[in-house]
Amino acid sequence: MSRFFRRKKKPKTEEAPAEETESVVAAAPESEVPTTTEEPAATEVSEPTTEDKEETIPYHDSIQDRLVYMFNDAVMADGLEGTHEFTLEFMAMGERFWVGKAALGEIETKVDKAADEDAHIRISNESVSDLLAAANFSEFSKIYLKHYKTSEAGKFIKIEIRKPIIDLNRQGYARVPILKLLIGASR
């Protein structure tokens, strides 16, 4: 750990190292332990983590609203073009609904069975509450993949792809982060 802290102390200019070495030589007879414990703590707090940099997802009271928000977000739906079209049917919180987009159309959601869906995704009630509590997209992704890969009692996500995966990749499922998350986990 001391090597990590020494890297943080290095100044970017050439004048400061000479001053620092003089002060270190002068401070050496006293005690180096208090100075090394105080300064690194200040540098750790001042640097933001990668999670702090990610945009927070606003509160939604239903999974439909959360999904529509994610499909309309520029970062989460990066690469979603006007020509892409998809229809995903969901079963969550006792409701059957679908989220879809027609070619050159807008994202829309309806409560009913979809006519020709690309995939059917079933999300348990406890998983929905966990997904709605996610603060950002990376946390949402971790929860979604965890509940898909390791199903527990009451916490599960089941994905049934209803069209060939090659056709889905051509429609943008391999490029768009939210589509890749929702369907890509089942590959």
Protein backbone atom coordinates (compact mmCIF):
# COMPACT_ATOMS: atom_id res chain seq x y z
CA MET A 1 0.00 0.00 0.00
CA SER A 2 2.86 2.39 0.64
CA ARG A 3 3.83 2.14 -3.04
CA PHE A 4 0.30 3.16 -4.01
CA PHE A 5 0.44 6.22 -1.78
CA ARG A 6 3.85 7.29 -3.05
CA ARG A 7 2.50 7.46 -6.60
CA LYS A 8 -0.30 9.74 -5.45
CA LYS A 9 2.17 12.15 -3.81
CA LYS A 10 4.23 12.79 -6.95
CA PRO A 11 3.57 16.30 -8.24
CA LYS A 12 3.28 16.95 -11.95
CA THR A 13 5.78 19.83 -12.11
CA GLU A 14 9.58 19.46 -11.82
CA GLU A 15 10.06 22.24 -9.23
CA ALA A 16 7.92 20.58 -6.59
CA PRO A 17 9.99 17.32 -6.29
CA ALA A 18 13.07 19.25 -5.18
CA GLU A 19 11.06 21.05 -2.50
CA GLU A 20 9.42 17.80 -1.43
CA THR A 21 12.74 15.96 -1.02
CA GLU A 22 14.10 18.79 1.11
CA SER A 23 11.04 18.70 3.35
CA VAL A 24 11.22 14.89 3.62
CA VAL A 25 14.88 15.02 4.62
CA ALA A 26 14.11 17.66 7.23
CA ALA A 27 11.11 15.74 8.54
CA ALA A 28 12.88 12.37 8.67
CA PRO A 29 14.34 12.77 12.18
CA GLU A 30 10.88 13.44 13.65
CA SER A 31 8.33 10.82 12.62
CA GLU A 32 7.18 9.74 9.18
CA VAL A 33 4.22 7.68 10.38
CA PRO A 34 1.79 10.55 11.18
CA THR A 35 2.46 12.34 7.87
CA THR A 36 1.92 9.24 5.72
CA THR A 37 -1.36 8.31 7.40
CA GLU A 38 -2.90 11.78 7.15
CA GLU A 39 -2.09 12.65 3.54
CA PRO A 40 -3.26 9.44 1.78
CA ALA A 41 -6.65 9.61 3.48
CA ALA A 42 -7.18 13.05 1.97
CA THR A 43 -6.27 11.86 -1.53
CA GLU A 44 -8.58 8.85 -1.34
CA VAL A 45 -11.60 10.94 -0.44
CA SER A 46 -10.99 13.60 -3.08
CA GLU A 47 -10.94 11.20 -6.04
CA PRO A 48 -14.38 10.17 -7.38
CA THR A 49 -15.01 6.54 -8.18
CA THR A 50 -16.38 5.30 -11.49
CA GLU A 51 -19.80 4.65 -9.93
CA ASP A 52 -20.04 8.32 -8.93
CA LYS A 53 -19.52 9.35 -12.54
CA GLU A 54 -22.36 7.24 -13.93
CA GLU A 55 -25.70 8.94 -14.35
CA THR A 56 -28.36 8.08 -11.79
CA ILE A 57 -31.65 6.64 -13.02
CA PRO A 58 -34.65 8.58 -11.68
CA TYR A 59 -37.25 6.87 -9.51
CA HIS A 60 -39.98 4.92 -11.31
CA ASP A 61 -42.95 3.24 -9.66
CA SER A 62 -43.37 0.56 -12.33
CA ILE A 63 -41.03 -1.58 -14.39
CA GLN A 64 -42.77 -0.39 -17.59
CA ASP A 65 -41.81 3.22 -16.86
CA ARG A 66 -38.23 2.17 -16.01
CA LEU A 67 -37.84 0.23 -19.27
CA VAL A 68 -39.28 3.02 -21.42
CA TYR A 69 -36.93 5.49 -19.72
CA MET A 70 -33.97 3.20 -20.40
CA PHE A 71 -34.88 2.77 -24.06
CA ASN A 72 -35.18 6.56 -24.46
CA ASP A 73 -31.89 7.33 -22.66
CA ALA A 74 -29.00 8.25 -24.96
CA VAL A 75 -26.40 6.22 -23.04
CA MET A 76 -28.40 3.06 -22.30
CA ALA A 77 -29.90 2.89 -25.78
CA ASP A 78 -26.71 4.01 -27.53
CA GLY A 79 -26.78 2.81 -31.13
CA LEU A 80 -30.55 2.47 -31.32
CA GLU A 81 -31.32 3.89 -34.73
CA GLY A 82 -34.55 4.85 -36.41
CA THR A 83 -34.54 1.75 -38.59
CA HIS A 84 -34.29 -0.67 -35.66
CA GLU A 85 -37.46 -2.46 -34.71
CA PHE A 86 -38.17 -4.80 -31.83
CA THR A 87 -40.94 -6.11 -29.60
CA LEU A 88 -40.25 -7.55 -26.17
CA GLU A 89 -43.05 -9.07 -24.15
CA PHE A 90 -42.76 -9.02 -20.36
CA MET A 91 -44.61 -10.72 -17.55
CA ALA A 92 -44.01 -8.86 -14.29
CA MET A 93 -46.03 -7.90 -11.21
CA GLY A 94 -48.97 -9.95 -12.46
CA GLU A 95 -49.24 -7.99 -15.72
CA ARG A 96 -48.40 -8.90 -19.26
CA PHE A 97 -47.08 -5.96 -21.24
CA TRP A 98 -44.80 -5.28 -24.14
CA VAL A 99 -42.24 -2.67 -25.05
CA GLY A 100 -41.59 -2.16 -28.71
CA LYS A 101 -40.42 0.11 -31.46
CA ALA A 102 -41.51 0.10 -35.07
CA ALA A 103 -39.06 1.01 -37.82
CA LEU A 104 -38.74 4.82 -37.84
CA GLY A 105 -41.11 4.95 -34.86
CA GLU A 106 -40.99 5.80 -31.18
CA ILE A 107 -40.64 3.51 -28.16
CA GLU A 108 -44.06 2.46 -26.96
CA THR A 109 -45.50 0.18 -24.31
CA LYS A 110 -48.91 -1.44 -24.00
CA VAL A 111 -50.56 -3.71 -21.48
CA ASP A 112 -51.56 -6.78 -23.46
CA LYS A 113 -50.08 -9.69 -25.34
CA ALA A 114 -47.77 -8.78 -28.20
CA ALA A 115 -48.67 -10.14 -31.63
CA ASP A 116 -45.21 -11.09 -32.89
CA GLU A 117 -42.65 -10.61 -30.11
CA ASP A 118 -38.92 -11.21 -30.41
CA ALA A 119 -38.67 -12.55 -26.86
CA HIS A 120 -40.75 -13.17 -23.75
CA ILE A 121 -39.16 -12.12 -20.45
CA ARG A 122 -40.69 -13.18 -17.14
CA ILE A 123 -39.57 -11.26 -14.05
CA SER A 124 -40.56 -12.21 -10.49
CA ASN A 125 -42.09 -9.62 -8.17
CA GLU A 126 -39.06 -9.53 -5.87
CA SER A 127 -36.75 -9.10 -8.85
CA VAL A 128 -38.87 -6.18 -10.07
CA SER A 129 -38.52 -4.42 -6.73
CA ASP A 130 -34.74 -4.97 -6.80
CA LEU A 131 -34.52 -3.67 -10.38
CA LEU A 132 -36.56 -0.58 -9.48
CA ALA A 133 -34.23 0.10 -6.55
CA ALA A 134 -31.15 0.13 -8.81
CA ALA A 135 -29.56 3.59 -8.83
CA ASN A 136 -27.77 3.38 -12.18
CA PHE A 137 -27.49 1.23 -15.29
CA SER A 138 -24.51 -0.80 -14.09
CA GLU A 139 -26.32 -1.71 -10.86
CA PHE A 140 -29.45 -2.57 -12.86
CA SER A 141 -27.33 -4.80 -15.12
CA LYS A 142 -25.70 -6.60 -12.18
CA ILE A 143 -29.05 -7.34 -10.55
CA TYR A 144 -30.63 -8.43 -13.85
CA LEU A 145 -27.77 -10.82 -14.69
CA LYS A 146 -27.56 -12.15 -11.14
CA HIS A 147 -31.27 -12.99 -11.04
CA TYR A 148 -31.08 -14.51 -14.53
CA LYS A 149 -28.01 -16.66 -13.96
CA THR A 150 -28.69 -17.76 -10.37
CA SER A 151 -32.39 -18.06 -9.74
CA GLU A 152 -33.44 -18.12 -6.11
CA ALA A 153 -36.80 -18.71 -4.51
CA GLY A 154 -38.88 -15.69 -5.48
CA LYS A 155 -36.04 -13.96 -7.38
CA PHE A 156 -35.74 -15.03 -10.98
CA ILE A 157 -35.73 -13.78 -14.55
CA LYS A 158 -36.59 -16.16 -17.37
CA ILE A 159 -35.95 -15.30 -21.02
CA GLU A 160 -37.54 -17.15 -23.92
CA ILE A 161 -36.28 -16.07 -27.33
CA ARG A 162 -38.95 -16.59 -29.98
CA LYS A 163 -37.01 -15.68 -33.13
CA PRO A 164 -33.63 -16.82 -34.49
CA ILE A 165 -30.73 -15.08 -32.75
CA ILE A 166 -29.11 -14.19 -36.10
CA ASP A 167 -32.15 -12.14 -37.06
CA LEU A 168 -32.18 -10.45 -33.67
CA ASN A 169 -28.52 -9.45 -34.02
CA ARG A 170 -29.33 -7.81 -37.35
CA GLN A 171 -32.08 -5.82 -35.63
CA GLY A 172 -29.60 -4.28 -33.18
CA TYR A 173 -29.71 -6.66 -30.21
CA ALA A 174 -25.92 -7.08 -30.32
CA ARG A 175 -25.12 -3.33 -30.44
CA VAL A 176 -27.59 -1.54 -28.19
CA PRO A 177 -26.64 -1.86 -24.48
CA ILE A 178 -30.18 -2.24 -23.10
CA LEU A 179 -31.19 -4.78 -25.76
CA LYS A 180 -27.91 -6.61 -25.27
CA LEU A 181 -28.62 -6.81 -21.55
CA LEU A 182 -32.24 -7.93 -21.85
CA ILE A 183 -31.67 -10.59 -24.52
CA GLY A 184 -27.91 -11.12 -24.64
CA ALA A 185 -27.87 -12.86 -21.28
CA SER A 186 -29.68 -15.85 -22.79
CA ARG A 187 -27.10 -16.58 -25.49
